[in-house]
N, C-alpha and C. Protein backbone atom coordinates (compact mmCIF):
# COMPACT_ATOMS: atom_id res chain seq x y z
N UNK A 1 -63.94 -78.32 -48.85
CA UNK A 1 -64.35 -77.12 -49.42
C UNK A 1 -63.04 -75.76 -50.04
N UNK A 2 -63.27 -75.56 -51.37
CA UNK A 2 -62.62 -74.74 -52.13
C UNK A 2 -62.96 -73.52 -51.71
N UNK A 3 -62.35 -73.04 -51.55
CA UNK A 3 -62.30 -71.37 -51.34
C UNK A 3 -62.23 -70.61 -53.01
N UNK A 4 -63.19 -69.73 -52.84
CA UNK A 4 -62.31 -69.08 -54.61
C UNK A 4 -62.23 -67.20 -54.06
N UNK A 5 -61.56 -66.64 -54.71
CA UNK A 5 -61.48 -65.27 -53.88
C UNK A 5 -61.87 -64.47 -55.29
N UNK A 6 -62.86 -63.97 -54.52
CA UNK A 6 -63.94 -62.97 -55.63
C UNK A 6 -62.67 -61.94 -56.86
N UNK A 7 -63.11 -61.99 -57.74
CA UNK A 7 -62.40 -61.28 -58.74
C UNK A 7 -62.24 -59.52 -58.54
N UNK A 8 -61.06 -59.14 -58.58
CA UNK A 8 -61.40 -57.25 -58.36
C UNK A 8 -61.84 -56.78 -59.47
N UNK A 9 -62.44 -55.42 -59.14
CA UNK A 9 -63.29 -55.09 -60.39
C UNK A 9 -62.22 -54.34 -61.03
N UNK A 10 -62.55 -54.86 -62.30
CA UNK A 10 -62.16 -53.73 -63.62
C UNK A 10 -62.35 -52.53 -63.42
N UNK A 11 -60.98 -51.49 -63.70
CA UNK A 11 -61.62 -50.08 -64.04
C UNK A 11 -62.82 -49.92 -64.80
N UNK A 12 -63.01 -50.49 -65.99
CA UNK A 12 -64.35 -50.19 -66.64
C UNK A 12 -64.74 -51.96 -67.17
N UNK A 13 -65.87 -52.16 -67.54
CA UNK A 13 -66.58 -53.20 -67.80
C UNK A 13 -65.47 -53.74 -68.85
N UNK A 14 -65.29 -55.45 -69.07
CA UNK A 14 -64.24 -55.60 -70.19
C UNK A 14 -65.32 -55.39 -71.66
N UNK A 15 -66.43 -55.73 -71.48
CA UNK A 15 -67.10 -54.94 -73.03
C UNK A 15 -67.07 -54.30 -73.46
N UNK A 16 -66.77 -52.84 -72.53
CA UNK A 16 -66.02 -51.88 -73.16
C UNK A 16 -64.41 -51.74 -73.47
N UNK A 17 -63.93 -52.14 -72.95
CA UNK A 17 -62.54 -52.23 -73.27
C UNK A 17 -62.89 -53.17 -74.82
N UNK A 18 -63.24 -54.25 -74.81
CA UNK A 18 -63.30 -54.93 -76.00
C UNK A 18 -63.63 -54.07 -77.09
N UNK A 19 -65.01 -53.05 -76.69
CA UNK A 19 -65.73 -52.23 -77.94
C UNK A 19 -64.70 -51.15 -78.53
N UNK A 20 -63.65 -50.94 -77.93
CA UNK A 20 -62.58 -49.97 -78.00
C UNK A 20 -61.58 -50.31 -79.05
N UNK A 21 -61.46 -51.51 -79.12
CA UNK A 21 -60.66 -52.44 -79.79
C UNK A 21 -61.01 -52.85 -80.94
N UNK A 22 -62.35 -53.30 -81.10
CA UNK A 22 -62.86 -53.57 -82.30
C UNK A 22 -62.72 -52.59 -83.25
N UNK A 23 -62.75 -52.51 -84.63
CA UNK A 23 -62.92 -51.72 -85.64
C UNK A 23 -64.33 -51.66 -86.21
N UNK A 24 -64.76 -50.15 -86.76
CA UNK A 24 -66.36 -50.56 -86.81
C UNK A 24 -66.94 -51.94 -87.67
N UNK A 25 -66.26 -52.26 -88.30
CA UNK A 25 -66.86 -53.76 -88.89
C UNK A 25 -66.92 -54.66 -87.84
N UNK A 26 -66.01 -54.82 -87.20
CA UNK A 26 -65.47 -55.65 -86.12
C UNK A 26 -66.77 -55.53 -84.98
N UNK A 27 -67.67 -54.09 -84.81
CA UNK A 27 -68.50 -53.84 -83.84
C UNK A 27 -69.46 -54.40 -84.43
N UNK A 28 -69.66 -54.04 -85.97
CA UNK A 28 -70.88 -54.04 -86.76
C UNK A 28 -71.10 -55.60 -86.48
N UNK A 29 -70.16 -56.52 -86.50
CA UNK A 29 -70.29 -57.87 -86.68
C UNK A 29 -70.83 -58.18 -85.09
N UNK A 30 -70.00 -57.98 -84.27
CA UNK A 30 -70.69 -58.24 -83.07
C UNK A 30 -71.92 -58.42 -82.60
N UNK A 31 -72.09 -57.03 -83.05
CA UNK A 31 -73.76 -56.62 -83.08
C UNK A 31 -74.61 -57.91 -83.67
N UNK A 32 -74.37 -57.96 -85.02
CA UNK A 32 -74.90 -59.48 -85.85
C UNK A 32 -75.02 -60.15 -85.14
N UNK A 33 -73.35 -61.03 -84.59
CA UNK A 33 -73.43 -62.06 -83.45
C UNK A 33 -74.40 -62.54 -82.47
N UNK A 34 -74.66 -61.42 -81.81
CA UNK A 34 -75.46 -61.25 -80.78
C UNK A 34 -76.94 -61.35 -81.03
N UNK A 35 -76.86 -60.20 -82.22
CA UNK A 35 -78.48 -61.10 -82.61
C UNK A 35 -78.84 -61.86 -83.48
N UNK A 36 -78.23 -62.41 -83.88
CA UNK A 36 -78.41 -63.73 -84.60
C UNK A 36 -78.32 -64.97 -83.16
N UNK A 37 -77.83 -64.76 -81.76
CA UNK A 37 -77.92 -65.66 -80.97
C UNK A 37 -79.94 -65.42 -80.43
N UNK A 38 -79.99 -64.08 -80.53
CA UNK A 38 -81.13 -63.85 -80.51
C UNK A 38 -81.94 -64.27 -81.24
N UNK A 39 -82.25 -63.96 -82.27
CA UNK A 39 -82.99 -64.97 -83.42
C UNK A 39 -82.90 -66.45 -83.38
N UNK A 40 -81.95 -66.86 -83.10
CA UNK A 40 -81.25 -68.39 -83.33
C UNK A 40 -82.64 -68.93 -82.00
N UNK A 41 -82.51 -67.83 -80.78
CA UNK A 41 -83.50 -67.87 -79.53
C UNK A 41 -85.24 -68.39 -80.02
N UNK A 42 -85.60 -67.35 -81.04
CA UNK A 42 -86.77 -66.76 -81.07
C UNK A 42 -87.32 -67.81 -82.37
N UNK A 43 -86.01 -68.50 -82.96
CA UNK A 43 -86.62 -69.33 -83.82
C UNK A 43 -86.69 -70.85 -83.84
N UNK A 44 -85.92 -70.88 -82.27
CA UNK A 44 -86.18 -72.65 -81.62
C UNK A 44 -87.50 -72.58 -81.21
N UNK A 45 -87.77 -71.39 -80.36
CA UNK A 45 -89.33 -71.45 -79.81
C UNK A 45 -89.93 -71.61 -80.57
N UNK A 46 -90.03 -70.36 -81.89
CA UNK A 46 -91.23 -70.25 -82.96
C UNK A 46 -91.26 -71.93 -83.28
N UNK A 47 -90.19 -72.91 -83.86
CA UNK A 47 -90.40 -74.03 -84.85
C UNK A 47 -90.97 -75.06 -83.64
N UNK A 48 -90.61 -74.91 -82.22
CA UNK A 48 -91.16 -76.01 -81.23
C UNK A 48 -92.28 -75.52 -80.68
N UNK A 49 -93.34 -74.31 -80.65
CA UNK A 49 -94.53 -73.90 -80.68
C UNK A 49 -95.40 -74.58 -81.61
N UNK A 50 -95.01 -74.39 -82.77
CA UNK A 50 -94.98 -74.60 -84.49
C UNK A 50 -95.64 -76.27 -84.61
N UNK A 51 -94.85 -77.09 -83.83
CA UNK A 51 -94.74 -78.49 -84.20
C UNK A 51 -94.97 -79.65 -82.77
N UNK A 52 -95.32 -78.83 -81.93
CA UNK A 52 -95.21 -79.67 -80.58
C UNK A 52 -96.06 -80.17 -80.40
N UNK A 53 -97.23 -80.28 -81.02
CA UNK A 53 -98.61 -81.09 -80.77
C UNK A 53 -98.60 -82.48 -82.48
N UNK A 54 -97.72 -81.93 -82.66
CA UNK A 54 -97.12 -83.16 -83.93
C UNK A 54 -95.78 -84.27 -83.66
N UNK A 55 -95.38 -83.98 -82.02
CA UNK A 55 -94.07 -84.88 -81.41
C UNK A 55 -93.24 -84.38 -82.01
N UNK A 56 -93.00 -83.68 -82.24
CA UNK A 56 -91.75 -82.69 -82.57
C UNK A 56 -91.29 -81.84 -82.23
N UNK A 57 -90.17 -81.40 -82.35
CA UNK A 57 -89.38 -79.53 -81.46
C UNK A 57 -88.35 -79.57 -83.03
N UNK A 58 -87.86 -78.33 -82.71
CA UNK A 58 -87.04 -77.98 -84.17
C UNK A 58 -85.96 -78.85 -83.80
N UNK A 59 -85.24 -78.94 -83.15
CA UNK A 59 -84.21 -80.02 -83.15
C UNK A 59 -84.88 -81.45 -84.27
N UNK A 60 -85.80 -82.39 -83.76
CA UNK A 60 -86.59 -83.13 -84.04
C UNK A 60 -86.61 -83.18 -85.57
N UNK A 61 -87.37 -81.71 -85.91
CA UNK A 61 -88.12 -81.19 -86.94
C UNK A 61 -86.88 -81.51 -87.95
N UNK A 62 -85.23 -80.65 -87.19
CA UNK A 62 -84.57 -80.35 -88.35
C UNK A 62 -83.62 -81.86 -89.05
N UNK A 63 -83.33 -83.21 -87.78
CA UNK A 63 -83.03 -84.05 -88.10
C UNK A 63 -84.16 -84.97 -89.52
N UNK A 64 -85.29 -84.64 -89.20
CA UNK A 64 -86.11 -85.57 -89.96
C UNK A 64 -86.15 -84.84 -91.54
N UNK A 65 -86.18 -83.74 -91.69
CA UNK A 65 -85.80 -82.68 -92.78
C UNK A 65 -84.71 -83.15 -93.67
N UNK A 66 -83.55 -83.56 -92.33
CA UNK A 66 -82.31 -83.82 -93.38
C UNK A 66 -82.52 -85.28 -93.97
N UNK A 67 -83.06 -86.17 -93.16
CA UNK A 67 -83.48 -87.29 -93.93
C UNK A 67 -85.16 -87.52 -95.08
N UNK A 68 -85.19 -86.55 -95.47
CA UNK A 68 -86.42 -86.64 -96.06
C UNK A 68 -86.61 -87.01 -97.35
N UNK A 69 -85.23 -86.23 -97.85
CA UNK A 69 -84.80 -86.88 -99.42
C UNK A 69 -83.89 -88.43 -99.47
N UNK A 70 -83.38 -88.50 -98.34
CA UNK A 70 -82.34 -89.80 -98.79
C UNK A 70 -81.84 -90.11 -97.01
N UNK A 71 -82.07 -91.09 -97.02
CA UNK A 71 -81.19 -91.58 -95.58
C UNK A 71 -79.39 -91.27 -95.54
N UNK A 72 -79.20 -90.76 -94.54
CA UNK A 72 -77.77 -90.83 -94.26
C UNK A 72 -77.54 -90.87 -92.92
N UNK A 73 -76.13 -91.09 -92.49
CA UNK A 73 -75.88 -91.33 -91.40
C UNK A 73 -75.89 -89.89 -90.18
N UNK A 74 -75.86 -90.30 -88.56
CA UNK A 74 -75.79 -89.61 -87.89
C UNK A 74 -75.00 -88.66 -88.31
N UNK A 75 -73.25 -89.07 -88.67
CA UNK A 75 -72.38 -88.19 -88.39
C UNK A 75 -72.57 -87.51 -89.58
N UNK A 76 -73.06 -87.61 -90.71
CA UNK A 76 -73.27 -86.75 -92.24
C UNK A 76 -74.36 -85.49 -91.95
N UNK A 77 -75.13 -86.06 -90.81
CA UNK A 77 -76.52 -85.23 -90.50
C UNK A 77 -75.76 -83.96 -89.64
N UNK A 78 -75.30 -84.23 -88.36
CA UNK A 78 -74.52 -83.64 -87.87
C UNK A 78 -73.38 -82.44 -89.05
N UNK A 79 -72.86 -83.09 -89.62
CA UNK A 79 -71.77 -82.13 -90.35
C UNK A 79 -72.71 -80.95 -91.26
N UNK A 80 -73.51 -81.71 -92.05
CA UNK A 80 -74.12 -80.42 -92.93
C UNK A 80 -75.03 -79.64 -92.25
N UNK A 81 -75.38 -80.13 -90.75
CA UNK A 81 -76.21 -79.15 -89.78
C UNK A 81 -75.18 -78.38 -89.39
N UNK A 82 -73.95 -78.47 -89.19
CA UNK A 82 -73.09 -78.06 -88.03
C UNK A 82 -73.76 -78.06 -86.24
N UNK A 83 -74.25 -79.43 -86.46
CA UNK A 83 -74.12 -79.80 -85.08
C UNK A 83 -73.25 -80.60 -84.32
N UNK A 84 -73.33 -81.22 -83.42
CA UNK A 84 -72.74 -82.31 -82.96
C UNK A 84 -73.41 -83.47 -82.58
N UNK A 85 -72.14 -84.53 -83.26
CA UNK A 85 -72.92 -85.67 -83.02
C UNK A 85 -73.87 -86.26 -82.24
N UNK A 86 -72.90 -86.18 -81.19
CA UNK A 86 -74.20 -86.34 -79.83
C UNK A 86 -75.17 -86.06 -79.86
N UNK A 87 -75.34 -84.58 -80.12
CA UNK A 87 -76.52 -84.30 -79.92
C UNK A 87 -77.32 -84.67 -80.77
N UNK A 88 -76.69 -84.95 -82.25
CA UNK A 88 -77.97 -85.69 -83.50
C UNK A 88 -78.12 -87.08 -83.27
N UNK A 89 -77.52 -87.71 -82.59
CA UNK A 89 -77.85 -89.26 -81.87
C UNK A 89 -78.69 -88.91 -80.78
N UNK A 90 -78.52 -88.32 -79.95
CA UNK A 90 -79.60 -88.17 -78.72
C UNK A 90 -80.97 -88.15 -79.49
N UNK A 91 -80.89 -87.12 -80.65
CA UNK A 91 -81.80 -86.81 -81.16
C UNK A 91 -82.59 -88.05 -82.07
N UNK A 92 -82.18 -88.20 -83.09
CA UNK A 92 -81.97 -89.62 -83.94
C UNK A 92 -82.54 -91.17 -82.81
N UNK A 93 -82.38 -90.81 -81.85
CA UNK A 93 -82.74 -91.93 -80.79
C UNK A 93 -84.01 -91.82 -80.13
N UNK A 94 -84.47 -90.12 -80.05
CA UNK A 94 -85.49 -89.99 -79.41
C UNK A 94 -86.41 -90.25 -80.74
N UNK A 95 -86.38 -89.82 -81.52
CA UNK A 95 -87.39 -90.08 -83.05
C UNK A 95 -87.73 -91.27 -83.72
N UNK A 96 -86.35 -92.32 -83.24
CA UNK A 96 -86.67 -93.80 -83.01
C UNK A 96 -87.35 -94.50 -82.52
N UNK A 97 -87.58 -94.07 -81.13
CA UNK A 97 -88.30 -94.46 -80.37
C UNK A 97 -89.58 -94.20 -80.29
N UNK A 98 -89.88 -92.81 -80.97
CA UNK A 98 -91.55 -92.35 -81.12
C UNK A 98 -91.85 -92.95 -82.47
N UNK A 99 -91.21 -93.25 -83.74
CA UNK A 99 -91.04 -94.37 -84.65
C UNK A 99 -91.39 -93.37 -86.06
N UNK A 100 -90.69 -92.30 -85.68
CA UNK A 100 -90.48 -91.04 -86.80
C UNK A 100 -89.25 -91.52 -87.49
N UNK A 101 -88.39 -92.28 -87.31
CA UNK A 101 -87.13 -93.19 -88.54
C UNK A 101 -86.93 -94.44 -88.48
N UNK A 102 -86.07 -95.03 -88.40
CA UNK A 102 -85.43 -96.15 -88.46
C UNK A 102 -84.22 -96.48 -88.70
N UNK A 103 -83.41 -96.93 -88.38
CA UNK A 103 -82.01 -97.09 -88.53
C UNK A 103 -81.92 -98.27 -89.50
N UNK A 104 -81.04 -98.55 -90.56
CA UNK A 104 -81.27 -99.58 -91.67
C UNK A 104 -79.43 -99.74 -91.55
N UNK A 105 -79.15 -100.62 -92.49
CA UNK A 105 -77.62 -101.15 -92.60
C UNK A 105 -77.59 -100.41 -93.82
N UNK A 106 -76.25 -99.65 -93.58
CA UNK A 106 -75.54 -98.95 -94.64
C UNK A 106 -74.63 -99.63 -95.80
N UNK A 107 -74.68 -99.67 -97.01
CA UNK A 107 -73.76 -100.88 -97.52
C UNK A 107 -72.42 -99.97 -97.38
N UNK A 108 -72.27 -98.69 -97.43
CA UNK A 108 -70.71 -98.26 -97.22
C UNK A 108 -70.16 -98.47 -96.08
N UNK A 109 -70.74 -98.80 -94.95
CA UNK A 109 -69.82 -98.71 -93.71
C UNK A 109 -71.01 -99.53 -92.97
N UNK A 110 -70.18 -100.68 -92.10
CA UNK A 110 -70.80 -101.62 -91.26
C UNK A 110 -71.28 -100.96 -89.99
N UNK A 111 -70.73 -100.35 -89.17
CA UNK A 111 -71.47 -100.01 -88.16
C UNK A 111 -71.68 -98.67 -87.76
N UNK A 112 -71.70 -97.79 -89.52
CA UNK A 112 -72.36 -96.40 -88.91
C UNK A 112 -73.95 -96.30 -89.67
N UNK A 113 -75.25 -97.06 -89.37
CA UNK A 113 -76.19 -97.23 -89.61
C UNK A 113 -77.05 -95.70 -90.59
N UNK A 114 -77.61 -96.51 -91.33
CA UNK A 114 -78.78 -95.30 -91.96
C UNK A 114 -79.47 -94.92 -91.37
N UNK A 115 -80.00 -93.44 -91.26
CA UNK A 115 -81.25 -92.94 -90.41
C UNK A 115 -82.03 -92.61 -91.34
N UNK A 116 -83.22 -93.50 -91.87
CA UNK A 116 -84.14 -93.27 -92.48
C UNK A 116 -85.41 -92.82 -92.13
N UNK A 117 -86.52 -91.49 -92.42
CA UNK A 117 -87.65 -91.90 -92.26
C UNK A 117 -88.83 -92.59 -92.49
N UNK A 118 -89.49 -92.81 -91.58
CA UNK A 118 -90.81 -93.80 -91.78
C UNK A 118 -92.27 -92.96 -92.42
N UNK A 119 -92.85 -93.54 -92.72
CA UNK A 119 -94.29 -93.39 -92.92
C UNK A 119 -95.14 -92.08 -92.18
N UNK A 120 -94.79 -92.21 -90.53
CA UNK A 120 -95.21 -91.50 -89.53
C UNK A 120 -94.39 -90.22 -89.43
N UNK A 121 -92.74 -90.38 -89.47
CA UNK A 121 -92.14 -89.20 -89.91
C UNK A 121 -92.73 -88.41 -90.58
N UNK A 122 -92.61 -88.91 -92.23
CA UNK A 122 -92.90 -88.06 -93.50
C UNK A 122 -94.41 -87.55 -92.98
N UNK A 123 -95.15 -87.95 -92.70
CA UNK A 123 -96.61 -87.23 -92.35
C UNK A 123 -96.00 -86.43 -91.55
N UNK A 124 -95.60 -86.52 -90.38
CA UNK A 124 -94.86 -84.93 -89.16
C UNK A 124 -94.13 -84.14 -89.95
N UNK A 125 -93.60 -84.45 -90.86
CA UNK A 125 -92.62 -83.28 -91.53
C UNK A 125 -93.36 -82.65 -92.57
N UNK A 126 -94.31 -83.50 -93.52
CA UNK A 126 -95.30 -82.73 -94.14
C UNK A 126 -96.03 -81.61 -93.13
N UNK A 127 -96.27 -82.00 -92.32
CA UNK A 127 -97.42 -80.96 -91.42
C UNK A 127 -97.11 -79.97 -91.01
N UNK A 128 -95.45 -80.10 -90.42
CA UNK A 128 -94.32 -79.08 -89.74
C UNK A 128 -94.09 -78.21 -90.99
N UNK A 129 -94.19 -78.53 -92.32
CA UNK A 129 -93.57 -77.46 -93.78
C UNK A 129 -94.87 -76.99 -93.84
N UNK A 130 -95.91 -77.74 -93.86
CA UNK A 130 -96.71 -77.34 -94.45
C UNK A 130 -97.47 -75.97 -93.33
N UNK A 131 -97.33 -76.15 -91.94
CA UNK A 131 -96.99 -74.88 -90.99
C UNK A 131 -95.78 -73.37 -91.62
N UNK A 132 -94.95 -74.28 -91.31
CA UNK A 132 -93.91 -73.27 -92.01
C UNK A 132 -93.99 -72.46 -92.93
N UNK A 133 -94.77 -72.91 -94.00
CA UNK A 133 -94.34 -71.93 -95.13
C UNK A 133 -95.28 -70.60 -94.96
N UNK A 134 -96.59 -70.87 -94.29
CA UNK A 134 -97.58 -69.76 -93.88
C UNK A 134 -96.66 -69.00 -92.93
N UNK A 135 -96.10 -69.44 -92.04
CA UNK A 135 -95.36 -69.05 -90.80
C UNK A 135 -94.68 -67.98 -91.50
N UNK A 136 -93.82 -68.54 -92.48
CA UNK A 136 -92.46 -67.94 -92.74
C UNK A 136 -93.27 -66.48 -93.87
N UNK A 137 -94.41 -66.87 -94.81
CA UNK A 137 -94.69 -66.35 -96.15
C UNK A 137 -95.07 -64.61 -94.89
N UNK A 138 -96.14 -64.98 -93.83
CA UNK A 138 -96.21 -64.04 -93.13
C UNK A 138 -95.36 -63.22 -91.92
N UNK A 139 -94.04 -64.10 -91.90
CA UNK A 139 -93.04 -63.57 -90.77
C UNK A 139 -92.05 -62.08 -91.91
N UNK A 140 -91.97 -62.31 -93.09
CA UNK A 140 -91.02 -61.47 -93.98
C UNK A 140 -92.06 -60.82 -94.62
N UNK A 141 -93.14 -60.53 -94.76
CA UNK A 141 -94.24 -59.56 -95.16
C UNK A 141 -93.63 -58.09 -94.53
N UNK A 142 -93.28 -57.20 -96.04
CA UNK A 142 -93.16 -55.93 -95.70
C UNK A 142 -91.33 -55.95 -95.37
N UNK A 143 -90.76 -57.11 -95.58
CA UNK A 143 -89.47 -57.16 -95.92
C UNK A 143 -89.12 -57.56 -97.06
N UNK A 144 -87.70 -56.71 -97.65
CA UNK A 144 -87.59 -56.49 -99.29
C UNK A 144 -87.39 -58.41 -100.03
N UNK A 145 -87.33 -58.61 -100.69
CA UNK A 145 -86.58 -59.95 -101.15
C UNK A 145 -85.21 -59.52 -101.42
N UNK A 146 -84.70 -58.46 -101.78
CA UNK A 146 -83.97 -57.88 -101.98
C UNK A 146 -82.77 -57.81 -100.50
N UNK A 147 -83.47 -56.93 -100.00
CA UNK A 147 -82.62 -57.42 -98.40
C UNK A 147 -82.75 -58.97 -97.85
N UNK A 148 -83.97 -60.24 -97.84
CA UNK A 148 -83.88 -61.16 -97.36
C UNK A 148 -82.52 -61.49 -97.94
N UNK A 149 -82.20 -61.32 -100.11
CA UNK A 149 -81.11 -62.29 -100.41
C UNK A 149 -79.72 -61.53 -99.68
N UNK A 150 -79.56 -60.12 -99.75
CA UNK A 150 -78.83 -59.40 -99.26
C UNK A 150 -78.31 -60.66 -97.54
N UNK A 151 -79.17 -60.24 -96.77
CA UNK A 151 -78.70 -60.66 -95.75
C UNK A 151 -78.33 -62.24 -95.95
N UNK A 152 -78.61 -62.90 -96.43
CA UNK A 152 -78.60 -64.96 -96.77
C UNK A 152 -77.05 -64.60 -97.20
N UNK A 153 -76.61 -63.99 -98.53
CA UNK A 153 -75.48 -64.06 -98.72
C UNK A 153 -74.40 -63.41 -97.75
N UNK A 154 -74.61 -62.41 -96.75
CA UNK A 154 -74.12 -62.44 -95.94
C UNK A 154 -73.67 -63.38 -95.16
N UNK A 155 -74.61 -63.49 -94.39
CA UNK A 155 -74.42 -65.21 -93.34
C UNK A 155 -73.69 -65.96 -94.02
N UNK A 156 -74.28 -66.73 -95.38
CA UNK A 156 -73.12 -67.56 -95.96
C UNK A 156 -71.92 -67.51 -96.21
N UNK A 157 -71.59 -65.83 -96.42
CA UNK A 157 -69.99 -65.58 -96.60
C UNK A 157 -69.30 -65.75 -95.29
N UNK A 158 -70.02 -65.51 -94.11
CA UNK A 158 -69.82 -65.40 -92.86
C UNK A 158 -69.25 -66.92 -92.31
N UNK A 159 -70.71 -67.67 -92.96
CA UNK A 159 -70.58 -69.19 -92.64
C UNK A 159 -68.85 -69.89 -93.15
N UNK A 160 -68.77 -69.56 -94.31
CA UNK A 160 -67.70 -69.69 -95.12
C UNK A 160 -66.23 -69.63 -94.62
N UNK A 161 -66.42 -68.16 -94.50
CA UNK A 161 -65.49 -67.97 -93.77
C UNK A 161 -64.84 -68.62 -92.24
N UNK A 162 -65.88 -68.93 -91.48
CA UNK A 162 -65.70 -69.59 -90.29
C UNK A 162 -65.35 -70.48 -90.62
N UNK A 163 -66.07 -72.11 -91.66
CA UNK A 163 -65.72 -72.92 -91.98
C UNK A 163 -64.22 -73.19 -92.77
N UNK A 164 -63.68 -72.13 -92.95
CA UNK A 164 -61.97 -72.44 -93.54
C UNK A 164 -61.30 -71.92 -92.41
N UNK A 165 -61.25 -71.31 -91.46
CA UNK A 165 -60.44 -70.67 -90.71
C UNK A 165 -60.51 -72.14 -88.90
N UNK A 166 -62.05 -72.72 -89.29
CA UNK A 166 -61.92 -73.96 -88.14
C UNK A 166 -60.98 -74.51 -87.92
N UNK A 167 -60.62 -74.92 -86.79
CA UNK A 167 -59.67 -76.07 -86.31
C UNK A 167 -59.14 -77.75 -87.18
């Protein structure tokens, strides 16, 4: 059995020290980051509730949407969505077991199969998007299109910077 020693209590909380060191823009970004984490959790929960009776979850819906227009590999889905390949592979395996997708030969790669949506997947995806349209329109009621567009541009710029600085 390993014994651990308790951490000594710092003079002030670590978060307080970090807040003092951030620029006003850095502090604002940190608040945006925390709000994004909270929003992501709520969006995933809403997506799960919206599609549960269709046999989908937010993750399954996201992967089905990625192969709606064209078949692609698990690795390509992961790259495009900013997800881990292993996570996408587990989701694809689950979708495949339930008949929403099939794996087909890839003419460009012997081992990396293409994920292809089935008729069952198309029906579920169409129903999910029909629900999402009404939900999205209702959710943004009262928020200006200009504010939404500005938010989108800032988020895209931050994502692009993160992608440029990725190791």
